[in-house]
Amino acid sequence: MKISTISVYGLFGRHDHTVNVFDNGLTYIHSPNGCGKSTLIKMVSLLFSGNTKELLTIPFERIDISFSNGADIVVERDSDELLIQMHRNRIGTELKAEELSSLVRTTFIPPERTFVRKDNGHIVNAVESYAHDLSVKLKSAKKKHDLIVPPYENGRDDDELVSWAKDLNAKLNFIRGAGFSVNMPPGMRFPPTRYDLTGSRKEYTDMIYGIFDFVERNHYLSESTVVFRDIMNNFLFDKDMTIDDNNHVVFMMDNGVTLPLTNLSSGEKQLFVIFYRMLFEAVPSSFVMIDEPEISLHVSWQQRMGQAMKDIARLRDLQIVVATHSPQIVHEDWDLTNELRAGRA
């Protein structure tokens, strides 16, 4: 389900706010300090993660969330409890907090994002942690070179198989460009021609379905890796980010010097964390909230953030809501903004 509006009433006992979530994937919220823009998006994250204990530490009366399919979720505060209902076709159904995460998947990127707390409680450098996680993902995926033929019932004729194989070959070449390799059956051509299928239809059909399985398993990770690299390099000056042969994230200066991750500028670290989380942690068709993406960024980088976020939103079908103080982040997209004003509606 896609969120269309978010309303919070009685925030801090002082404010009523409504945010219209725009269809193109990107929405901005801006307001004076203290009006609750950061708190509003944090409340949405807490609600859909089922963290009612922390949500109840925030003073508010009610949260209304409307969806594009006509449904509404109404959350009312009753002392130290939350009453949650979903309304659809004028019928209200009571929900438990733990059920909300199945309705909307969310990712919240807070302003305190350059360090992360691991499962063991240790606080570590976020860039080093995410770079390590990406390396582990790539190493694990790239170990699996062999084709695995899944169970299938083929209803395609020869022309359809040849056409499908050509489409798969384009994706396979993309995946290879990201450093993935696959062991192809010896003596067989891919993509095959109709002539190749003559007399060896079963073998070629198995190969095509095996490549389909390989593409399905690896396309998302390889695409995320390539897009991550390309977006970072579109911002970087006098250096490039690459993935080396050992699947490590490497920053190479134009003069050939390798730059340790800890020596990245504060702005470069901010970009790395924001784009990594959007591409590798946010699931497709989910709801992403970013608080103050302008931190440590030069004005020229701030002005380019919006387009990068829109590109990722389009690629992953994300709804992205950004809370910001910076007119440079909004740049030319003032038609995508919500201004939160102090006071009750």
C-alpha atoms as a PDB file:
ATOM      1  CA  MET A   1       0.000   0.000   0.000  1.00  0.00           C
ATOM      2  CA  LYS A   2       1.148   3.535  -0.752  1.00  0.00           C
ATOM      3  CA  ILE A   3       0.816   6.237   1.907  1.00  0.00           C
ATOM      4  CA  SER A   4      -0.963   9.366   0.682  1.00  0.00           C
ATOM      5  CA  THR A   5      -1.223  11.541   3.826  1.00  0.00           C
ATOM      6  CA  ILE A   6       0.159  11.573   7.362  1.00  0.00           C
ATOM      7  CA  SER A   7      -1.575  13.629  10.059  1.00  0.00           C
ATOM      8  CA  VAL A   8      -0.471  14.068  13.660  1.00  0.00           C
ATOM      9  CA  TYR A   9      -2.714  15.873  16.152  1.00  0.00           C
ATOM     10  CA  GLY A  10      -1.735  17.367  19.489  1.00  0.00           C
ATOM     11  CA  LEU A  11       1.994  16.907  18.956  1.00  0.00           C
ATOM     12  CA  PHE A  12       3.720  18.186  22.115  1.00  0.00           C
ATOM     13  CA  GLY A  13       0.222  19.394  23.080  1.00  0.00           C
ATOM     14  CA  ARG A  14       0.769  22.334  20.681  1.00  0.00           C
ATOM     15  CA  HIS A  15       0.771  21.320  17.014  1.00  0.00           C
ATOM     16  CA  ASP A  16      -1.451  19.677  14.392  1.00  0.00           C
ATOM     17  CA  HIS A  17       0.370  18.681  11.195  1.00  0.00           C
ATOM     18  CA  THR A  18      -0.628  17.087   7.895  1.00  0.00           C
ATOM     19  CA  VAL A  19       1.882  15.920   5.294  1.00  0.00           C
ATOM     20  CA  ASN A  20       0.804  15.135   1.735  1.00  0.00           C
ATOM     21  CA  VAL A  21       2.986  12.374   0.289  1.00  0.00           C
ATOM     22  CA  PHE A  22       3.518  13.002  -3.415  1.00  0.00           C
ATOM     23  CA  ASP A  23       3.170  10.427  -6.177  1.00  0.00           C
ATOM     24  CA  ASN A  24       6.555  10.898  -7.855  1.00  0.00           C
ATOM     25  CA  GLY A  25       8.439   9.210  -5.001  1.00  0.00           C
ATOM     26  CA  LEU A  26       9.913  12.224  -3.197  1.00  0.00           C
ATOM     27  CA  THR A  27       8.332  14.486  -0.570  1.00  0.00           C
ATOM     28  CA  TYR A  28       9.949  17.250   1.483  1.00  0.00           C
ATOM     29  CA  ILE A  29       8.973  18.567   4.915  1.00  0.00           C
ATOM     30  CA  HIS A  30      10.331  21.868   6.210  1.00  0.00           C
ATOM     31  CA  SER A  31       9.488  24.020   9.224  1.00  0.00           C
ATOM     32  CA  PRO A  32      11.038  26.222  11.890  1.00  0.00           C
ATOM     33  CA  ASN A  33      12.983  24.418  14.605  1.00  0.00           C
ATOM     34  CA  GLY A  34      10.829  22.857  17.280  1.00  0.00           C
ATOM     35  CA  CYS A  35       7.671  22.356  15.209  1.00  0.00           C
ATOM     36  CA  GLY A  36       8.168  18.605  14.983  1.00  0.00           C
ATOM     37  CA  LYS A  37       9.165  17.672  11.411  1.00  0.00           C
ATOM     38  CA  SER A  38      11.877  15.267  12.597  1.00  0.00           C
ATOM     39  CA  THR A  39       9.591  13.928  15.308  1.00  0.00           C
ATOM     40  CA  LEU A  40       6.795  13.324  12.807  1.00  0.00           C
ATOM     41  CA  ILE A  41       8.832  11.049  10.551  1.00  0.00           C
ATOM     42  CA  LYS A  42      10.349   9.297  13.560  1.00  0.00           C
ATOM     43  CA  MET A  43       6.816   8.603  14.829  1.00  0.00           C
ATOM     44  CA  VAL A  44       5.910   6.959  11.520  1.00  0.00           C
ATOM     45  CA  SER A  45       9.013   4.778  11.769  1.00  0.00           C
ATOM     46  CA  LEU A  46       8.252   3.791  15.372  1.00  0.00           C
ATOM     47  CA  LEU A  47       4.626   3.040  14.522  1.00  0.00           C
ATOM     48  CA  PHE A  48       5.303   0.706  11.601  1.00  0.00           C
ATOM     49  CA  SER A  49       8.183  -1.007  13.389  1.00  0.00           C
ATOM     50  CA  GLY A  50       5.840  -1.810  16.276  1.00  0.00           C
ATOM     51  CA  ASN A  51       7.906   0.156  18.796  1.00  0.00           C
ATOM     52  CA  THR A  52       4.965   1.471  20.782  1.00  0.00           C
ATOM     53  CA  LYS A  53       7.019   1.854  23.961  1.00  0.00           C
ATOM     54  CA  GLU A  54       9.195   4.581  22.444  1.00  0.00           C
ATOM     55  CA  LEU A  55       6.282   6.065  20.517  1.00  0.00           C
ATOM     56  CA  LEU A  56       4.433   6.593  23.787  1.00  0.00           C
ATOM     57  CA  THR A  57       7.307   8.713  25.090  1.00  0.00           C
ATOM     58  CA  ILE A  58       6.303  11.380  22.529  1.00  0.00           C
ATOM     59  CA  PRO A  59       3.374  13.598  23.555  1.00  0.00           C
ATOM     60  CA  PHE A  60       0.580  13.389  20.959  1.00  0.00           C
ATOM     61  CA  GLU A  61      -3.151  12.751  20.753  1.00  0.00           C
ATOM     62  CA  ARG A  62      -3.731  10.972  17.442  1.00  0.00           C
ATOM     63  CA  ILE A  63      -2.064   9.816  14.239  1.00  0.00           C
ATOM     64  CA  ASP A  64      -4.036   9.371  11.006  1.00  0.00           C
ATOM     65  CA  ILE A  65      -2.413   7.718   7.999  1.00  0.00           C
ATOM     66  CA  SER A  66      -4.320   7.513   4.725  1.00  0.00           C
ATOM     67  CA  PHE A  67      -3.475   5.172   1.861  1.00  0.00           C
ATOM     68  CA  SER A  68      -3.947   5.419  -1.877  1.00  0.00           C
ATOM     69  CA  ASN A  69      -6.406   2.496  -1.835  1.00  0.00           C
ATOM     70  CA  GLY A  70      -8.834   4.414   0.392  1.00  0.00           C
ATOM     71  CA  ALA A  71      -7.870   2.728   3.666  1.00  0.00           C
ATOM     72  CA  ASP A  72      -6.945   4.686   6.793  1.00  0.00           C
ATOM     73  CA  ILE A  73      -5.068   3.809   9.957  1.00  0.00           C
ATOM     74  CA  VAL A  74      -6.108   5.744  13.044  1.00  0.00           C
ATOM     75  CA  VAL A  75      -3.917   5.628  16.156  1.00  0.00           C
ATOM     76  CA  GLU A  76      -5.384   7.204  19.280  1.00  0.00           C
ATOM     77  CA  ARG A  77      -3.560   7.653  22.534  1.00  0.00           C
ATOM     78  CA  ASP A  78      -5.384   6.504  25.631  1.00  0.00           C
ATOM     79  CA  SER A  79      -3.117   7.340  28.566  1.00  0.00           C
ATOM     80  CA  ASP A  80      -0.274   4.820  28.276  1.00  0.00           C
ATOM     81  CA  GLU A  81      -1.893   2.698  25.572  1.00  0.00           C
ATOM     82  CA  LEU A  82      -2.470   3.015  21.840  1.00  0.00           C
ATOM     83  CA  LEU A  83      -5.779   2.172  20.206  1.00  0.00           C
ATOM     84  CA  ILE A  84      -5.102   1.254  16.568  1.00  0.00           C
ATOM     85  CA  GLN A  85      -7.796   0.770  13.944  1.00  0.00           C
ATOM     86  CA  MET A  86      -7.829   0.323  10.197  1.00  0.00           C
ATOM     87  CA  HIS A  87     -10.822   1.836   8.415  1.00  0.00           C
ATOM     88  CA  ARG A  88     -11.807   0.522   5.015  1.00  0.00           C
ATOM     89  CA  ASN A  89     -15.194   1.021   3.353  1.00  0.00           C
ATOM     90  CA  ARG A  90     -16.480   2.627   6.582  1.00  0.00           C
ATOM     91  CA  ILE A  91     -15.677  -0.526   8.542  1.00  0.00           C
ATOM     92  CA  GLY A  92     -13.164  -0.299  11.371  1.00  0.00           C
ATOM     93  CA  THR A  93     -10.938  -3.226  12.335  1.00  0.00           C
ATOM     94  CA  GLU A  94      -8.793  -3.199  15.440  1.00  0.00           C
ATOM     95  CA  LEU A  95      -5.108  -3.891  14.827  1.00  0.00           C
ATOM     96  CA  LYS A  96      -2.241  -4.915  17.052  1.00  0.00           C
ATOM     97  CA  ALA A  97       0.945  -2.874  16.844  1.00  0.00           C
ATOM     98  CA  GLU A  98       2.954  -5.870  15.630  1.00  0.00           C
ATOM     99  CA  GLU A  99       0.629  -6.228  12.627  1.00  0.00           C
ATOM    100  CA  LEU A 100       1.568  -2.810  11.233  1.00  0.00           C
ATOM    101  CA  SER A 101       4.992  -3.845   9.953  1.00  0.00           C
ATOM    102  CA  SER A 102       3.316  -6.179   7.460  1.00  0.00           C
ATOM    103  CA  LEU A 103       1.345  -3.267   6.018  1.00  0.00           C
ATOM    104  CA  VAL A 104       4.186  -0.813   5.427  1.00  0.00           C
ATOM    105  CA  ARG A 105       7.915  -1.572   5.429  1.00  0.00           C
ATOM    106  CA  THR A 106       9.920   1.440   6.564  1.00  0.00           C
ATOM    107  CA  THR A 107      13.519   2.623   6.725  1.00  0.00           C
ATOM    108  CA  PHE A 108      14.424   5.589   8.934  1.00  0.00           C
ATOM    109  CA  ILE A 109      17.757   7.344   8.339  1.00  0.00           C
ATOM    110  CA  PRO A 110      18.325   9.657  11.318  1.00  0.00           C
ATOM    111  CA  PRO A 111      20.730  12.604  11.456  1.00  0.00           C
ATOM    112  CA  GLU A 112      22.972  10.614  13.844  1.00  0.00           C
ATOM    113  CA  ARG A 113      23.917   8.144  11.116  1.00  0.00           C
ATOM    114  CA  THR A 114      27.703   7.947  10.878  1.00  0.00           C
ATOM    115  CA  PHE A 115      27.844   5.414  13.724  1.00  0.00           C
ATOM    116  CA  VAL A 116      25.648   2.335  14.145  1.00  0.00           C
ATOM    117  CA  ARG A 117      24.920  -0.003  17.022  1.00  0.00           C
ATOM    118  CA  LYS A 118      25.533  -3.650  16.165  1.00  0.00           C
ATOM    119  CA  ASP A 119      23.519  -6.573  17.492  1.00  0.00           C
ATOM    120  CA  ASN A 120      26.125  -7.120  20.225  1.00  0.00           C
ATOM    121  CA  GLY A 121      25.589  -3.562  21.465  1.00  0.00           C
ATOM    122  CA  HIS A 122      28.903  -2.222  20.177  1.00  0.00           C
ATOM    123  CA  ILE A 123      28.854   1.164  18.420  1.00  0.00           C
ATOM    124  CA  VAL A 124      30.958   1.161  15.248  1.00  0.00           C
ATOM    125  CA  ASN A 125      31.804   3.403  12.321  1.00  0.00           C
ATOM    126  CA  ALA A 126      28.873   3.175   9.891  1.00  0.00           C
ATOM    127  CA  VAL A 127      30.921   3.485   6.699  1.00  0.00           C
ATOM    128  CA  GLU A 128      33.287   0.692   7.718  1.00  0.00           C
ATOM    129  CA  SER A 129      30.374  -1.454   8.883  1.00  0.00           C
ATOM    130  CA  TYR A 130      28.339  -1.031   5.693  1.00  0.00           C
ATOM    131  CA  ALA A 131      31.404  -1.519   3.487  1.00  0.00           C
ATOM    132  CA  HIS A 132      32.135  -4.779   5.333  1.00  0.00           C
ATOM    133  CA  ASP A 133      28.508  -5.914   5.011  1.00  0.00           C
ATOM    134  CA  LEU A 134      28.547  -5.223   1.262  1.00  0.00           C
ATOM    135  CA  SER A 135      31.795  -7.157   0.881  1.00  0.00           C
ATOM    136  CA  VAL A 136      30.301 -10.151   2.700  1.00  0.00           C
ATOM    137  CA  LYS A 137      27.182 -10.067   0.491  1.00  0.00           C
ATOM    138  CA  LEU A 138      29.212  -9.909  -2.716  1.00  0.00           C
ATOM    139  CA  LYS A 139      31.626 -12.677  -1.668  1.00  0.00           C
ATOM    140  CA  SER A 140      28.756 -14.967  -0.723  1.00  0.00           C
ATOM    141  CA  ALA A 141      26.860 -14.362  -3.967  1.00  0.00           C
ATOM    142  CA  LYS A 142      29.896 -14.648  -6.231  1.00  0.00           C
ATOM    143  CA  LYS A 143      30.863 -18.049  -4.830  1.00  0.00           C
ATOM    144  CA  LYS A 144      27.862 -19.607  -6.565  1.00  0.00           C
ATOM    145  CA  HIS A 145      29.036 -19.941 -10.180  1.00  0.00           C
ATOM    146  CA  ASP A 146      27.175 -23.069 -11.243  1.00  0.00           C
ATOM    147  CA  LEU A 147      23.871 -23.003 -13.048  1.00  0.00           C
ATOM    148  CA  ILE A 148      21.002 -24.470 -11.036  1.00  0.00           C
ATOM    149  CA  VAL A 149      18.084 -25.600 -13.160  1.00  0.00           C
ATOM    150  CA  PRO A 150      14.879 -24.968 -11.200  1.00  0.00           C
ATOM    151  CA  PRO A 151      11.746 -27.052 -11.661  1.00  0.00           C
ATOM    152  CA  TYR A 152       9.807 -25.658 -14.601  1.00  0.00           C
ATOM    153  CA  GLU A 153       6.954 -26.315 -16.975  1.00  0.00           C
ATOM    154  CA  ASN A 154       7.924 -24.802 -20.283  1.00  0.00           C
ATOM    155  CA  GLY A 155       5.068 -23.535 -22.419  1.00  0.00           C
ATOM    156  CA  ARG A 156       7.238 -21.434 -24.746  1.00  0.00           C
ATOM    157  CA  ASP A 157       7.773 -22.249 -28.408  1.00  0.00           C
ATOM    158  CA  ASP A 158      11.173 -21.883 -30.078  1.00  0.00           C
ATOM    159  CA  ASP A 159      10.721 -18.221 -31.011  1.00  0.00           C
ATOM    160  CA  GLU A 160       9.647 -17.338 -27.475  1.00  0.00           C
ATOM    161  CA  LEU A 161      12.621 -19.186 -25.958  1.00  0.00           C
ATOM    162  CA  VAL A 162      15.067 -17.403 -28.287  1.00  0.00           C
ATOM    163  CA  SER A 163      13.517 -14.000 -27.507  1.00  0.00           C
ATOM    164  CA  TRP A 164      13.551 -14.677 -23.755  1.00  0.00           C
ATOM    165  CA  ALA A 165      17.175 -15.787 -23.930  1.00  0.00           C
ATOM    166  CA  LYS A 166      18.137 -12.500 -25.625  1.00  0.00           C
ATOM    167  CA  ASP A 167      16.479 -10.548 -22.797  1.00  0.00           C
ATOM    168  CA  LEU A 168      18.244 -12.689 -20.198  1.00  0.00           C
ATOM    169  CA  ASN A 169      21.569 -12.196 -21.969  1.00  0.00           C
ATOM    170  CA  ALA A 170      21.316  -8.410 -21.552  1.00  0.00           C
ATOM    171  CA  LYS A 171      20.786  -8.858 -17.802  1.00  0.00           C
ATOM    172  CA  LEU A 172      23.524 -11.494 -17.639  1.00  0.00           C
ATOM    173  CA  ASN A 173      26.023  -9.102 -19.258  1.00  0.00           C
ATOM    174  CA  PHE A 174      25.040  -6.417 -16.749  1.00  0.00           C
ATOM    175  CA  ILE A 175      25.627  -8.837 -13.874  1.00  0.00           C
ATOM    176  CA  ARG A 176      28.994  -9.849 -15.328  1.00  0.00           C
ATOM    177  CA  GLY A 177      29.898  -6.163 -15.485  1.00  0.00           C
ATOM    178  CA  ALA A 178      29.395  -6.058 -11.712  1.00  0.00           C
ATOM    179  CA  GLY A 179      31.972  -8.836 -11.267  1.00  0.00           C
ATOM    180  CA  PHE A 180      29.679 -11.879 -11.202  1.00  0.00           C
ATOM    181  CA  SER A 181      30.490 -14.951 -13.287  1.00  0.00           C
ATOM    182  CA  VAL A 182      28.603 -18.107 -14.186  1.00  0.00           C
ATOM    183  CA  ASN A 183      29.794 -21.484 -15.444  1.00  0.00           C
ATOM    184  CA  MET A 184      28.119 -22.000 -18.813  1.00  0.00           C
ATOM    185  CA  PRO A 185      27.635 -25.533 -20.204  1.00  0.00           C
ATOM    186  CA  PRO A 186      30.543 -26.360 -22.569  1.00  0.00           C
ATOM    187  CA  GLY A 187      29.812 -26.410 -26.276  1.00  0.00           C
ATOM    188  CA  MET A 188      26.552 -24.441 -25.955  1.00  0.00           C
ATOM    189  CA  ARG A 189      25.946 -20.934 -27.236  1.00  0.00           C
ATOM    190  CA  PHE A 190      24.041 -18.274 -25.354  1.00  0.00           C
ATOM    191  CA  PRO A 191      21.765 -16.766 -26.405  1.00  0.00           C
ATOM    192  CA  PRO A 192      20.869 -19.653 -28.726  1.00  0.00           C
ATOM    193  CA  THR A 193      19.385 -19.397 -32.196  1.00  0.00           C
ATOM    194  CA  ARG A 194      16.432 -21.397 -33.442  1.00  0.00           C
ATOM    195  CA  TYR A 195      18.939 -23.619 -35.235  1.00  0.00           C
ATOM    196  CA  ASP A 196      20.699 -24.346 -31.918  1.00  0.00           C
ATOM    197  CA  LEU A 197      17.421 -25.590 -30.464  1.00  0.00           C
ATOM    198  CA  THR A 198      17.057 -28.174 -33.213  1.00  0.00           C
ATOM    199  CA  GLY A 199      17.981 -31.521 -31.744  1.00  0.00           C
ATOM    200  CA  SER A 200      19.039 -30.024 -28.374  1.00  0.00           C
ATOM    201  CA  ARG A 201      15.879 -28.333 -27.225  1.00  0.00           C
ATOM    202  CA  LYS A 202      15.833 -29.926 -23.768  1.00  0.00           C
ATOM    203  CA  GLU A 203      19.469 -29.029 -23.059  1.00  0.00           C
ATOM    204  CA  TYR A 204      19.023 -25.437 -24.183  1.00  0.00           C
ATOM    205  CA  THR A 205      15.751 -25.052 -22.322  1.00  0.00           C
ATOM    206  CA  ASP A 206      17.450 -26.274 -19.142  1.00  0.00           C
ATOM    207  CA  MET A 207      20.264 -23.782 -19.704  1.00  0.00           C
ATOM    208  CA  ILE A 208      17.875 -20.886 -20.282  1.00  0.00           C
ATOM    209  CA  TYR A 209      15.936 -21.657 -17.109  1.00  0.00           C
ATOM    210  CA  GLY A 210      19.205 -22.067 -15.213  1.00  0.00           C
ATOM    211  CA  ILE A 211      20.366 -18.642 -16.387  1.00  0.00           C
ATOM    212  CA  PHE A 212      16.979 -17.208 -15.464  1.00  0.00           C
ATOM    213  CA  ASP A 213      17.498 -18.577 -11.932  1.00  0.00           C
ATOM    214  CA  PHE A 214      21.045 -17.112 -11.815  1.00  0.00           C
ATOM    215  CA  VAL A 215      19.777 -13.701 -12.967  1.00  0.00           C
ATOM    216  CA  GLU A 216      16.931 -13.722 -10.454  1.00  0.00           C
ATOM    217  CA  ARG A 217      19.345 -14.525  -7.611  1.00  0.00           C
ATOM    218  CA  ASN A 218      21.954 -11.925  -8.511  1.00  0.00           C
ATOM    219  CA  HIS A 219      20.417  -9.077 -10.481  1.00  0.00           C
ATOM    220  CA  TYR A 220      19.160  -7.108  -7.474  1.00  0.00           C
ATOM    221  CA  LEU A 221      22.519  -7.171  -5.649  1.00  0.00           C
ATOM    222  CA  SER A 222      24.534  -6.438  -8.784  1.00  0.00           C
ATOM    223  CA  GLU A 223      22.209  -3.625  -9.823  1.00  0.00           C
ATOM    224  CA  SER A 224      22.343  -2.093  -6.336  1.00  0.00           C
ATOM    225  CA  THR A 225      26.140  -2.309  -6.355  1.00  0.00           C
ATOM    226  CA  VAL A 226      26.498  -0.673  -9.771  1.00  0.00           C
ATOM    227  CA  VAL A 227      23.987   2.093  -8.985  1.00  0.00           C
ATOM    228  CA  PHE A 228      25.653   2.719  -5.603  1.00  0.00           C
ATOM    229  CA  ARG A 229      29.055   3.029  -7.255  1.00  0.00           C
ATOM    230  CA  ASP A 230      27.793   5.258 -10.055  1.00  0.00           C
ATOM    231  CA  ILE A 231      25.869   7.624  -7.771  1.00  0.00           C
ATOM    232  CA  MET A 232      28.811   7.978  -5.403  1.00  0.00           C
ATOM    233  CA  ASN A 233      31.214   8.669  -8.271  1.00  0.00           C
ATOM    234  CA  ASN A 234      28.832  11.242  -9.695  1.00  0.00           C
ATOM    235  CA  PHE A 235      29.374  13.255  -6.489  1.00  0.00           C
ATOM    236  CA  LEU A 236      33.018  12.534  -5.720  1.00  0.00           C
ATOM    237  CA  PHE A 237      35.808  14.915  -6.657  1.00  0.00           C
ATOM    238  CA  ASP A 238      39.410  13.773  -7.325  1.00  0.00           C
ATOM    239  CA  LYS A 239      38.643  10.172  -6.379  1.00  0.00           C
ATOM    240  CA  ASP A 240      36.533   7.167  -7.408  1.00  0.00           C
ATOM    241  CA  MET A 241      34.790   4.445  -5.448  1.00  0.00           C
ATOM    242  CA  THR A 242      35.290   0.946  -6.816  1.00  0.00           C
ATOM    243  CA  ILE A 243      34.817  -2.673  -5.781  1.00  0.00           C
ATOM    244  CA  ASP A 244      38.156  -4.488  -6.072  1.00  0.00           C
ATOM    245  CA  ASP A 245      38.770  -8.117  -7.038  1.00  0.00           C
ATOM    246  CA  ASN A 246      38.456  -9.141  -3.379  1.00  0.00           C
ATOM    247  CA  ASN A 247      35.008  -7.473  -3.200  1.00  0.00           C
ATOM    248  CA  HIS A 248      36.242  -4.703  -0.911  1.00  0.00           C
ATOM    249  CA  VAL A 249      35.013  -1.119  -1.234  1.00  0.00           C
ATOM    250  CA  VAL A 250      37.989   0.998  -2.283  1.00  0.00           C
ATOM    251  CA  PHE A 251      38.355   4.752  -2.676  1.00  0.00           C
ATOM    252  CA  MET A 252      41.158   5.568  -5.103  1.00  0.00           C
ATOM    253  CA  MET A 253      42.529   9.080  -5.498  1.00  0.00           C
ATOM    254  CA  ASP A 254      43.262  10.394  -8.989  1.00  0.00           C
ATOM    255  CA  ASN A 255      46.987  10.142  -8.187  1.00  0.00           C
ATOM    256  CA  GLY A 256      46.664   6.407  -7.466  1.00  0.00           C
ATOM    257  CA  VAL A 257      46.694   6.654  -3.675  1.00  0.00           C
ATOM    258  CA  THR A 258      44.168   4.419  -1.874  1.00  0.00           C
ATOM    259  CA  LEU A 259      42.212   6.363   0.724  1.00  0.00           C
ATOM    260  CA  PRO A 260      41.214   4.522   3.932  1.00  0.00           C
ATOM    261  CA  LEU A 261      37.498   4.670   4.637  1.00  0.00           C
ATOM    262  CA  THR A 262      38.145   6.473   7.893  1.00  0.00           C
ATOM    263  CA  ASN A 263      39.829   9.305   5.950  1.00  0.00           C
ATOM    264  CA  LEU A 264      36.802  10.145   3.847  1.00  0.00           C
ATOM    265  CA  SER A 265      35.467  13.641   4.393  1.00  0.00           C
ATOM    266  CA  SER A 266      32.421  14.028   6.629  1.00  0.00           C
ATOM    267  CA  GLY A 267      30.291  14.835   3.586  1.00  0.00           C
ATOM    268  CA  GLU A 268      31.518  11.758   1.709  1.00  0.00           C
ATOM    269  CA  LYS A 269      30.666   9.609   4.721  1.00  0.00           C
ATOM    270  CA  GLN A 270      27.163  11.093   4.797  1.00  0.00           C
ATOM    271  CA  LEU A 271      26.609  10.239   1.122  1.00  0.00           C
ATOM    272  CA  PHE A 272      27.928   6.712   1.601  1.00  0.00           C
ATOM    273  CA  VAL A 273      25.598   5.994   4.513  1.00  0.00           C
ATOM    274  CA  ILE A 274      22.475   7.547   2.970  1.00  0.00           C
ATOM    275  CA  PHE A 275      22.811   5.880  -0.435  1.00  0.00           C
ATOM    276  CA  TYR A 276      23.888   2.533   1.018  1.00  0.00           C
ATOM    277  CA  ARG A 277      20.845   2.347   3.245  1.00  0.00           C
ATOM    278  CA  MET A 278      18.485   3.391   0.471  1.00  0.00           C
ATOM    279  CA  LEU A 279      19.843   0.794  -1.965  1.00  0.00           C
ATOM    280  CA  PHE A 280      20.747  -2.150   0.272  1.00  0.00           C
ATOM    281  CA  GLU A 281      18.463  -1.865   3.312  1.00  0.00           C
ATOM    282  CA  ALA A 282      15.229  -0.320   2.046  1.00  0.00           C
ATOM    283  CA  VAL A 283      13.128  -3.040   0.432  1.00  0.00           C
ATOM    284  CA  PRO A 284      11.383  -2.269  -2.876  1.00  0.00           C
ATOM    285  CA  SER A 285       8.018  -0.464  -2.645  1.00  0.00           C
ATOM    286  CA  SER A 286       8.711   0.602   0.939  1.00  0.00           C
ATOM    287  CA  PHE A 287       8.612   3.925   2.797  1.00  0.00           C
ATOM    288  CA  VAL A 288      11.919   5.699   3.481  1.00  0.00           C
ATOM    289  CA  MET A 289      12.391   8.673   5.815  1.00  0.00           C
ATOM    290  CA  ILE A 290      15.573  10.755   5.829  1.00  0.00           C
ATOM    291  CA  ASP A 291      16.198  13.412   8.455  1.00  0.00           C
ATOM    292  CA  GLU A 292      18.428  16.339   7.447  1.00  0.00           C
ATOM    293  CA  PRO A 293      20.335  14.857   4.479  1.00  0.00           C
ATOM    294  CA  GLU A 294      22.130  18.204   4.107  1.00  0.00           C
ATOM    295  CA  ILE A 295      24.455  17.533   7.068  1.00  0.00           C
ATOM    296  CA  SER A 296      28.118  18.205   6.085  1.00  0.00           C
ATOM    297  CA  LEU A 297      27.265  18.598   2.391  1.00  0.00           C
ATOM    298  CA  HIS A 298      28.507  21.482   0.244  1.00  0.00           C
ATOM    299  CA  VAL A 299      25.757  23.556  -1.377  1.00  0.00           C
ATOM    300  CA  SER A 300      26.492  22.039  -4.801  1.00  0.00           C
ATOM    301  CA  TRP A 301      26.060  18.520  -3.391  1.00  0.00           C
ATOM    302  CA  GLN A 302      22.869  19.502  -1.605  1.00  0.00           C
ATOM    303  CA  GLN A 303      21.400  20.703  -4.894  1.00  0.00           C
ATOM    304  CA  ARG A 304      22.104  17.335  -6.520  1.00  0.00           C
ATOM    305  CA  MET A 305      20.692  15.177  -3.720  1.00  0.00           C
ATOM    306  CA  GLY A 306      17.093  15.511  -4.852  1.00  0.00           C
ATOM    307  CA  GLN A 307      17.735  14.045  -8.302  1.00  0.00           C
ATOM    308  CA  ALA A 308      19.762  11.177  -6.846  1.00  0.00           C
ATOM    309  CA  MET A 309      16.958  10.373  -4.388  1.00  0.00           C
ATOM    310  CA  LYS A 310      14.354  10.534  -7.172  1.00  0.00           C
ATOM    311  CA  ASP A 311      16.426   8.167  -9.299  1.00  0.00           C
ATOM    312  CA  ILE A 312      16.602   5.624  -6.470  1.00  0.00           C
ATOM    313  CA  ALA A 313      12.901   6.073  -5.695  1.00  0.00           C
ATOM    314  CA  ARG A 314      12.061   5.314  -9.324  1.00  0.00           C
ATOM    315  CA  LEU A 315      14.426   2.322  -9.476  1.00  0.00           C
ATOM    316  CA  ARG A 316      13.063   0.737  -6.273  1.00  0.00           C
ATOM    317  CA  ASP A 317       9.500   2.103  -6.290  1.00  0.00           C
ATOM    318  CA  LEU A 318      10.173   3.865  -2.992  1.00  0.00           C
ATOM    319  CA  GLN A 319       8.272   6.612  -1.238  1.00  0.00           C
ATOM    320  CA  ILE A 320      10.910   8.914   0.246  1.00  0.00           C
ATOM    321  CA  VAL A 321      10.058  11.633   2.773  1.00  0.00           C
ATOM    322  CA  VAL A 322      12.814  14.097   3.623  1.00  0.00           C
ATOM    323  CA  ALA A 323      12.812  16.445   6.625  1.00  0.00           C
ATOM    324  CA  THR A 324      15.135  19.360   5.927  1.00  0.00           C
ATOM    325  CA  HIS A 325      16.097  22.913   6.850  1.00  0.00           C
ATOM    326  CA  SER A 326      17.946  23.449   3.587  1.00  0.00           C
ATOM    327  CA  PRO A 327      16.411  25.241   0.585  1.00  0.00           C
ATOM    328  CA  GLN A 328      19.340  23.837  -1.395  1.00  0.00           C
ATOM    329  CA  ILE A 329      18.159  20.286  -0.751  1.00  0.00           C
ATOM    330  CA  VAL A 330      14.714  21.196  -2.085  1.00  0.00           C
ATOM    331  CA  HIS A 331      16.393  23.182  -4.884  1.00  0.00           C
ATOM    332  CA  GLU A 332      13.894  23.304  -7.783  1.00  0.00           C
ATOM    333  CA  ASP A 333      11.285  20.982  -6.231  1.00  0.00           C
ATOM    334  CA  TRP A 334       9.231  23.388  -4.131  1.00  0.00           C
ATOM    335  CA  ASP A 335       6.062  21.821  -5.547  1.00  0.00           C
ATOM    336  CA  LEU A 336       7.024  18.697  -3.567  1.00  0.00           C
ATOM    337  CA  THR A 337       7.203  20.425  -0.181  1.00  0.00           C
ATOM    338  CA  ASN A 338       5.048  20.511   2.943  1.00  0.00           C
ATOM    339  CA  GLU A 339       5.533  23.403   5.341  1.00  0.00           C
ATOM    340  CA  LEU A 340       4.661  22.606   8.937  1.00  0.00           C
ATOM    341  CA  ARG A 341       3.386  25.591  10.872  1.00  0.00           C
ATOM    342  CA  ALA A 342       3.225  26.030  14.634  1.00  0.00           C
ATOM    343  CA  GLY A 343      -0.132  25.740  16.370  1.00  0.00           C
ATOM    344  CA  ARG A 344      -3.374  23.774  16.260  1.00  0.00           C
ATOM    345  CA  ALA A 345      -5.395  23.411  13.089  1.00  0.00           C
END
